[in-house]
Amino acid sequence: MSFYKFAKSLVSMALYPTYRIEVIGTENFPKEGGVLLCANHIDNLDPPVVGITAPRDVHFMAKEELFNLPILKNILPGLHAFPVKRGMSDREALRRGLQVLKDGNVLGLFPEGTRNKTGELGKGLAGAGFFALRSDALVVPCAIIGPYKAFNKLKVVYGEPINLKEYQDEKLNAEQATEFIMGKIGELITQHR
């Protein structure tokens, strides 16, 4: 068993009963090929929750500071996480993310870039649109509907995959593509709240 699978089963045993996680729409998740998984960001637990509920292994970009912490710097690579410098264009992280998608894997992003503590959907950063437009990956919107309170229900909803290549005639730029993706996440939140 890989470290990722081991960690996933361990974290599942802790989080599923604590937050009574209900997962909706996993049938929408492509079984193969590159997938850009874009979710809203409401809590520090979002990455592990998406990691345990997604039907495939997820590669996450994580803020570089986490890789400087003694325990995490050894664990994060085994969880398919790689560092990204926040607040600037990190070419190495962008290249690595595109390679994840090109290799037919799942790249997980929180387009808002940081947690939105109000529970409302914030504005997405252009990174999600960049990956969507520069790869052949399908985009899967994901809504995490909280709050994270012990023994209250937490919903994780996976929407239908979006092929942004179908919108190429509209000449979307990265910001517009991200806005489109955020709109799909917003629709999921509204439908399942």
C-alpha atoms as a PDB file:
ATOM      1  CA  MET A   1       0.000   0.000   0.000  1.00  0.00           C
ATOM      2  CA  SER A   2       1.366   3.431  -0.944  1.00  0.00           C
ATOM      3  CA  PHE A   3       1.848   6.106   1.696  1.00  0.00           C
ATOM      4  CA  TYR A   4      -0.909   8.141   0.003  1.00  0.00           C
ATOM      5  CA  LYS A   5      -3.443   5.273   0.299  1.00  0.00           C
ATOM      6  CA  PHE A   6      -2.391   4.586   3.900  1.00  0.00           C
ATOM      7  CA  ALA A   7      -2.767   8.263   4.856  1.00  0.00           C
ATOM      8  CA  LYS A   8      -6.106   8.462   3.020  1.00  0.00           C
ATOM      9  CA  SER A   9      -7.544   5.529   4.989  1.00  0.00           C
ATOM     10  CA  LEU A  10      -6.218   6.916   8.292  1.00  0.00           C
ATOM     11  CA  VAL A  11      -7.592  10.431   7.683  1.00  0.00           C
ATOM     12  CA  SER A  12     -10.909   8.975   6.430  1.00  0.00           C
ATOM     13  CA  MET A  13     -11.367   7.113   9.733  1.00  0.00           C
ATOM     14  CA  ALA A  14     -10.944  10.393  11.618  1.00  0.00           C
ATOM     15  CA  LEU A  15     -12.838  12.862   9.419  1.00  0.00           C
ATOM     16  CA  TYR A  16     -15.817  10.910   8.035  1.00  0.00           C
ATOM     17  CA  PRO A  17     -17.451  10.250  11.425  1.00  0.00           C
ATOM     18  CA  THR A  18     -16.390  13.560  12.991  1.00  0.00           C
ATOM     19  CA  TYR A  19     -17.941  15.715  10.256  1.00  0.00           C
ATOM     20  CA  ARG A  20     -20.534  13.208   9.005  1.00  0.00           C
ATOM     21  CA  ILE A  21     -19.193  13.787   5.487  1.00  0.00           C
ATOM     22  CA  GLU A  22     -21.695  13.289   2.684  1.00  0.00           C
ATOM     23  CA  VAL A  23     -20.162  12.974  -0.773  1.00  0.00           C
ATOM     24  CA  ILE A  24     -22.296  13.734  -3.831  1.00  0.00           C
ATOM     25  CA  GLY A  25     -21.447  13.374  -7.520  1.00  0.00           C
ATOM     26  CA  THR A  26     -18.410  11.076  -7.569  1.00  0.00           C
ATOM     27  CA  GLU A  27     -19.942   9.490 -10.671  1.00  0.00           C
ATOM     28  CA  ASN A  28     -19.108  12.780 -12.440  1.00  0.00           C
ATOM     29  CA  PHE A  29     -15.393  12.296 -11.833  1.00  0.00           C
ATOM     30  CA  PRO A  30     -13.496  11.138 -14.960  1.00  0.00           C
ATOM     31  CA  LYS A  31     -11.922   7.726 -14.368  1.00  0.00           C
ATOM     32  CA  GLU A  32      -8.795   8.590 -16.328  1.00  0.00           C
ATOM     33  CA  GLY A  33      -6.952  11.460 -17.962  1.00  0.00           C
ATOM     34  CA  GLY A  34      -5.876  14.824 -16.612  1.00  0.00           C
ATOM     35  CA  VAL A  35      -8.380  16.473 -14.269  1.00  0.00           C
ATOM     36  CA  LEU A  36      -8.233  19.969 -12.820  1.00  0.00           C
ATOM     37  CA  LEU A  37     -10.191  19.725  -9.570  1.00  0.00           C
ATOM     38  CA  CYS A  38     -11.272  23.186  -8.380  1.00  0.00           C
ATOM     39  CA  ALA A  39     -12.930  23.656  -4.976  1.00  0.00           C
ATOM     40  CA  ASN A  40     -13.984  26.532  -2.761  1.00  0.00           C
ATOM     41  CA  HIS A  41     -11.833  27.046   0.332  1.00  0.00           C
ATOM     42  CA  ILE A  42     -13.506  27.459   3.728  1.00  0.00           C
ATOM     43  CA  ASP A  43     -11.190  25.680   6.190  1.00  0.00           C
ATOM     44  CA  ASN A  44      -7.671  24.330   6.706  1.00  0.00           C
ATOM     45  CA  LEU A  45      -9.192  20.839   6.509  1.00  0.00           C
ATOM     46  CA  ASP A  46     -10.346  21.332   2.901  1.00  0.00           C
ATOM     47  CA  PRO A  47      -7.284  19.651   1.302  1.00  0.00           C
ATOM     48  CA  PRO A  48      -7.557  16.447   3.365  1.00  0.00           C
ATOM     49  CA  VAL A  49     -11.354  16.383   2.920  1.00  0.00           C
ATOM     50  CA  VAL A  50     -11.043  16.707  -0.866  1.00  0.00           C
ATOM     51  CA  GLY A  51      -8.203  14.169  -0.786  1.00  0.00           C
ATOM     52  CA  ILE A  52     -10.277  11.520   1.002  1.00  0.00           C
ATOM     53  CA  THR A  53     -13.509  12.091  -0.944  1.00  0.00           C
ATOM     54  CA  ALA A  54     -12.104  12.324  -4.484  1.00  0.00           C
ATOM     55  CA  PRO A  55     -12.217   8.963  -6.296  1.00  0.00           C
ATOM     56  CA  ARG A  56      -8.636   9.403  -7.558  1.00  0.00           C
ATOM     57  CA  ASP A  57      -5.345  10.524  -5.997  1.00  0.00           C
ATOM     58  CA  VAL A  58      -5.081  14.320  -5.931  1.00  0.00           C
ATOM     59  CA  HIS A  59      -1.866  16.325  -6.373  1.00  0.00           C
ATOM     60  CA  PHE A  60      -2.099  19.624  -4.486  1.00  0.00           C
ATOM     61  CA  MET A  61      -0.080  22.794  -4.663  1.00  0.00           C
ATOM     62  CA  ALA A  62       0.682  23.808  -1.091  1.00  0.00           C
ATOM     63  CA  LYS A  63       2.126  27.063   0.175  1.00  0.00           C
ATOM     64  CA  GLU A  64       5.917  26.876   0.297  1.00  0.00           C
ATOM     65  CA  GLU A  65       6.037  27.697   4.029  1.00  0.00           C
ATOM     66  CA  LEU A  66       4.520  24.286   4.847  1.00  0.00           C
ATOM     67  CA  PHE A  67       7.552  22.563   3.324  1.00  0.00           C
ATOM     68  CA  ASN A  68       9.785  24.317   5.875  1.00  0.00           C
ATOM     69  CA  LEU A  69       8.006  22.741   8.861  1.00  0.00           C
ATOM     70  CA  PRO A  70       9.958  19.768  10.262  1.00  0.00           C
ATOM     71  CA  ILE A  71       7.283  17.044  10.097  1.00  0.00           C
ATOM     72  CA  LEU A  72       5.349  18.280   7.061  1.00  0.00           C
ATOM     73  CA  LYS A  73       8.391  18.651   4.785  1.00  0.00           C
ATOM     74  CA  ASN A  74       8.799  14.853   4.894  1.00  0.00           C
ATOM     75  CA  ILE A  75       5.092  13.976   4.697  1.00  0.00           C
ATOM     76  CA  LEU A  76       3.801  16.369   1.994  1.00  0.00           C
ATOM     77  CA  PRO A  77       5.715  14.870  -0.971  1.00  0.00           C
ATOM     78  CA  GLY A  78       4.272  11.434  -0.092  1.00  0.00           C
ATOM     79  CA  LEU A  79       0.824  13.017  -0.312  1.00  0.00           C
ATOM     80  CA  HIS A  80       1.565  14.267  -3.863  1.00  0.00           C
ATOM     81  CA  ALA A  81       1.854  17.869  -2.667  1.00  0.00           C
ATOM     82  CA  PHE A  82       4.366  20.284  -4.148  1.00  0.00           C
ATOM     83  CA  PRO A  83       5.326  23.834  -3.103  1.00  0.00           C
ATOM     84  CA  VAL A  84       4.122  27.080  -4.594  1.00  0.00           C
ATOM     85  CA  LYS A  85       5.354  30.562  -3.685  1.00  0.00           C
ATOM     86  CA  ARG A  86       2.391  32.727  -2.807  1.00  0.00           C
ATOM     87  CA  GLY A  87       1.920  36.271  -3.998  1.00  0.00           C
ATOM     88  CA  MET A  88       4.015  35.925  -7.135  1.00  0.00           C
ATOM     89  CA  SER A  89       4.137  33.997 -10.366  1.00  0.00           C
ATOM     90  CA  ASP A  90       5.961  30.764  -9.515  1.00  0.00           C
ATOM     91  CA  ARG A  91       7.030  29.371 -12.893  1.00  0.00           C
ATOM     92  CA  GLU A  92       8.356  26.119 -11.429  1.00  0.00           C
ATOM     93  CA  ALA A  93       5.029  25.405  -9.679  1.00  0.00           C
ATOM     94  CA  LEU A  94       3.125  26.249 -12.882  1.00  0.00           C
ATOM     95  CA  ARG A  95       5.340  23.890 -14.906  1.00  0.00           C
ATOM     96  CA  ARG A  96       4.937  21.151 -12.329  1.00  0.00           C
ATOM     97  CA  GLY A  97       1.147  21.566 -12.258  1.00  0.00           C
ATOM     98  CA  LEU A  98       0.924  21.358 -16.046  1.00  0.00           C
ATOM     99  CA  GLN A  99       3.082  18.207 -15.950  1.00  0.00           C
ATOM    100  CA  VAL A 100       0.720  16.606 -13.404  1.00  0.00           C
ATOM    101  CA  LEU A 101      -2.157  17.188 -15.848  1.00  0.00           C
ATOM    102  CA  LYS A 102      -0.161  16.102 -18.903  1.00  0.00           C
ATOM    103  CA  ASP A 103       0.708  12.854 -17.104  1.00  0.00           C
ATOM    104  CA  GLY A 104      -3.037  12.158 -16.769  1.00  0.00           C
ATOM    105  CA  ASN A 105      -3.282  12.878 -13.045  1.00  0.00           C
ATOM    106  CA  VAL A 106      -5.559  15.036 -10.892  1.00  0.00           C
ATOM    107  CA  LEU A 107      -4.398  18.520  -9.886  1.00  0.00           C
ATOM    108  CA  GLY A 108      -6.335  19.961  -6.965  1.00  0.00           C
ATOM    109  CA  LEU A 109      -6.645  23.740  -6.628  1.00  0.00           C
ATOM    110  CA  PHE A 110      -8.493  26.184  -4.419  1.00  0.00           C
ATOM    111  CA  PRO A 111      -8.878  29.069  -6.905  1.00  0.00           C
ATOM    112  CA  GLU A 112      -9.644  31.593  -4.148  1.00  0.00           C
ATOM    113  CA  GLY A 113      -6.023  31.134  -3.064  1.00  0.00           C
ATOM    114  CA  THR A 114      -6.807  31.416   0.623  1.00  0.00           C
ATOM    115  CA  ARG A 115      -9.556  30.428   3.028  1.00  0.00           C
ATOM    116  CA  ASN A 116     -12.771  32.424   2.863  1.00  0.00           C
ATOM    117  CA  LYS A 117     -13.947  32.469   6.468  1.00  0.00           C
ATOM    118  CA  THR A 118     -17.325  34.045   5.641  1.00  0.00           C
ATOM    119  CA  GLY A 119     -18.496  30.860   3.926  1.00  0.00           C
ATOM    120  CA  GLU A 120     -19.357  32.909   0.837  1.00  0.00           C
ATOM    121  CA  LEU A 121     -17.594  32.162  -2.421  1.00  0.00           C
ATOM    122  CA  GLY A 122     -14.722  34.585  -3.038  1.00  0.00           C
ATOM    123  CA  LYS A 123     -13.107  35.728  -6.265  1.00  0.00           C
ATOM    124  CA  GLY A 124     -10.860  33.167  -7.927  1.00  0.00           C
ATOM    125  CA  LEU A 125      -7.279  33.861  -8.975  1.00  0.00           C
ATOM    126  CA  ALA A 126      -6.203  33.411 -12.589  1.00  0.00           C
ATOM    127  CA  GLY A 127      -4.176  30.234 -11.855  1.00  0.00           C
ATOM    128  CA  ALA A 128      -7.157  27.907 -12.295  1.00  0.00           C
ATOM    129  CA  GLY A 129      -7.931  29.445 -15.676  1.00  0.00           C
ATOM    130  CA  PHE A 130      -4.268  29.208 -16.676  1.00  0.00           C
ATOM    131  CA  PHE A 131      -4.193  25.445 -16.027  1.00  0.00           C
ATOM    132  CA  ALA A 132      -7.591  24.897 -17.659  1.00  0.00           C
ATOM    133  CA  LEU A 133      -6.613  26.728 -20.852  1.00  0.00           C
ATOM    134  CA  ARG A 134      -3.033  25.439 -21.104  1.00  0.00           C
ATOM    135  CA  SER A 135      -3.860  21.748 -20.723  1.00  0.00           C
ATOM    136  CA  ASP A 136      -6.243  19.195 -22.169  1.00  0.00           C
ATOM    137  CA  ALA A 137      -7.566  18.454 -18.695  1.00  0.00           C
ATOM    138  CA  LEU A 138     -11.243  18.371 -17.873  1.00  0.00           C
ATOM    139  CA  VAL A 139     -12.238  20.706 -15.035  1.00  0.00           C
ATOM    140  CA  VAL A 140     -14.262  19.231 -12.175  1.00  0.00           C
ATOM    141  CA  PRO A 141     -15.877  21.876  -9.947  1.00  0.00           C
ATOM    142  CA  CYS A 142     -16.211  20.911  -6.286  1.00  0.00           C
ATOM    143  CA  ALA A 143     -18.256  22.570  -3.546  1.00  0.00           C
ATOM    144  CA  ILE A 144     -17.443  22.094   0.115  1.00  0.00           C
ATOM    145  CA  ILE A 145     -20.526  23.057   2.077  1.00  0.00           C
ATOM    146  CA  GLY A 146     -19.883  23.475   5.796  1.00  0.00           C
ATOM    147  CA  PRO A 147     -19.412  24.593   8.401  1.00  0.00           C
ATOM    148  CA  TYR A 148     -16.823  22.313   9.952  1.00  0.00           C
ATOM    149  CA  LYS A 149     -18.530  21.533  13.244  1.00  0.00           C
ATOM    150  CA  ALA A 150     -18.160  18.174  14.921  1.00  0.00           C
ATOM    151  CA  PHE A 151     -21.101  15.866  14.207  1.00  0.00           C
ATOM    152  CA  ASN A 152     -22.815  18.347  11.877  1.00  0.00           C
ATOM    153  CA  LYS A 153     -23.096  17.256   8.258  1.00  0.00           C
ATOM    154  CA  LEU A 154     -20.410  18.453   5.843  1.00  0.00           C
ATOM    155  CA  LYS A 155     -21.170  18.058   2.135  1.00  0.00           C
ATOM    156  CA  VAL A 156     -18.626  17.624  -0.642  1.00  0.00           C
ATOM    157  CA  VAL A 157     -20.244  17.915  -4.078  1.00  0.00           C
ATOM    158  CA  TYR A 158     -18.482  17.056  -7.357  1.00  0.00           C
ATOM    159  CA  GLY A 159     -20.024  18.665 -10.418  1.00  0.00           C
ATOM    160  CA  GLU A 160     -20.034  17.516 -14.017  1.00  0.00           C
ATOM    161  CA  PRO A 161     -16.707  17.884 -15.813  1.00  0.00           C
ATOM    162  CA  ILE A 162     -16.212  20.966 -17.966  1.00  0.00           C
ATOM    163  CA  ASN A 163     -14.215  20.937 -21.175  1.00  0.00           C
ATOM    164  CA  LEU A 164     -13.016  24.512 -21.592  1.00  0.00           C
ATOM    165  CA  LYS A 165     -11.792  23.674 -25.104  1.00  0.00           C
ATOM    166  CA  GLU A 166     -15.472  23.967 -26.082  1.00  0.00           C
ATOM    167  CA  TYR A 167     -15.269  27.673 -25.204  1.00  0.00           C
ATOM    168  CA  GLN A 168     -12.133  28.439 -27.238  1.00  0.00           C
ATOM    169  CA  ASP A 169     -14.174  30.305 -29.853  1.00  0.00           C
ATOM    170  CA  GLU A 170     -15.017  32.782 -27.112  1.00  0.00           C
ATOM    171  CA  LYS A 171     -11.274  33.452 -26.644  1.00  0.00           C
ATOM    172  CA  LEU A 172     -11.396  33.259 -22.857  1.00  0.00           C
ATOM    173  CA  ASN A 173      -8.397  34.569 -20.976  1.00  0.00           C
ATOM    174  CA  ALA A 174      -7.220  33.023 -17.680  1.00  0.00           C
ATOM    175  CA  GLU A 175      -9.283  35.425 -15.529  1.00  0.00           C
ATOM    176  CA  GLN A 176     -12.470  34.761 -17.513  1.00  0.00           C
ATOM    177  CA  ALA A 177     -11.889  30.998 -17.429  1.00  0.00           C
ATOM    178  CA  THR A 178     -11.435  31.149 -13.644  1.00  0.00           C
ATOM    179  CA  GLU A 179     -14.598  33.244 -13.314  1.00  0.00           C
ATOM    180  CA  PHE A 180     -16.485  30.606 -15.335  1.00  0.00           C
ATOM    181  CA  ILE A 181     -15.155  27.810 -13.081  1.00  0.00           C
ATOM    182  CA  MET A 182     -16.044  29.784  -9.937  1.00  0.00           C
ATOM    183  CA  GLY A 183     -19.552  30.247 -11.312  1.00  0.00           C
ATOM    184  CA  LYS A 184     -19.919  26.454 -11.596  1.00  0.00           C
ATOM    185  CA  ILE A 185     -18.723  26.021  -7.995  1.00  0.00           C
ATOM    186  CA  GLY A 186     -21.231  28.690  -6.932  1.00  0.00           C
ATOM    187  CA  GLU A 187     -24.053  26.832  -8.689  1.00  0.00           C
ATOM    188  CA  LEU A 188     -23.177  23.646  -6.783  1.00  0.00           C
ATOM    189  CA  ILE A 189     -23.204  25.525  -3.478  1.00  0.00           C
ATOM    190  CA  THR A 190     -26.621  27.032  -4.273  1.00  0.00           C
ATOM    191  CA  GLN A 191     -28.103  23.686  -5.374  1.00  0.00           C
ATOM    192  CA  HIS A 192     -26.894  21.680  -2.372  1.00  0.00           C
ATOM    193  CA  ARG A 193     -26.844  24.130   0.522  1.00  0.00           C
END
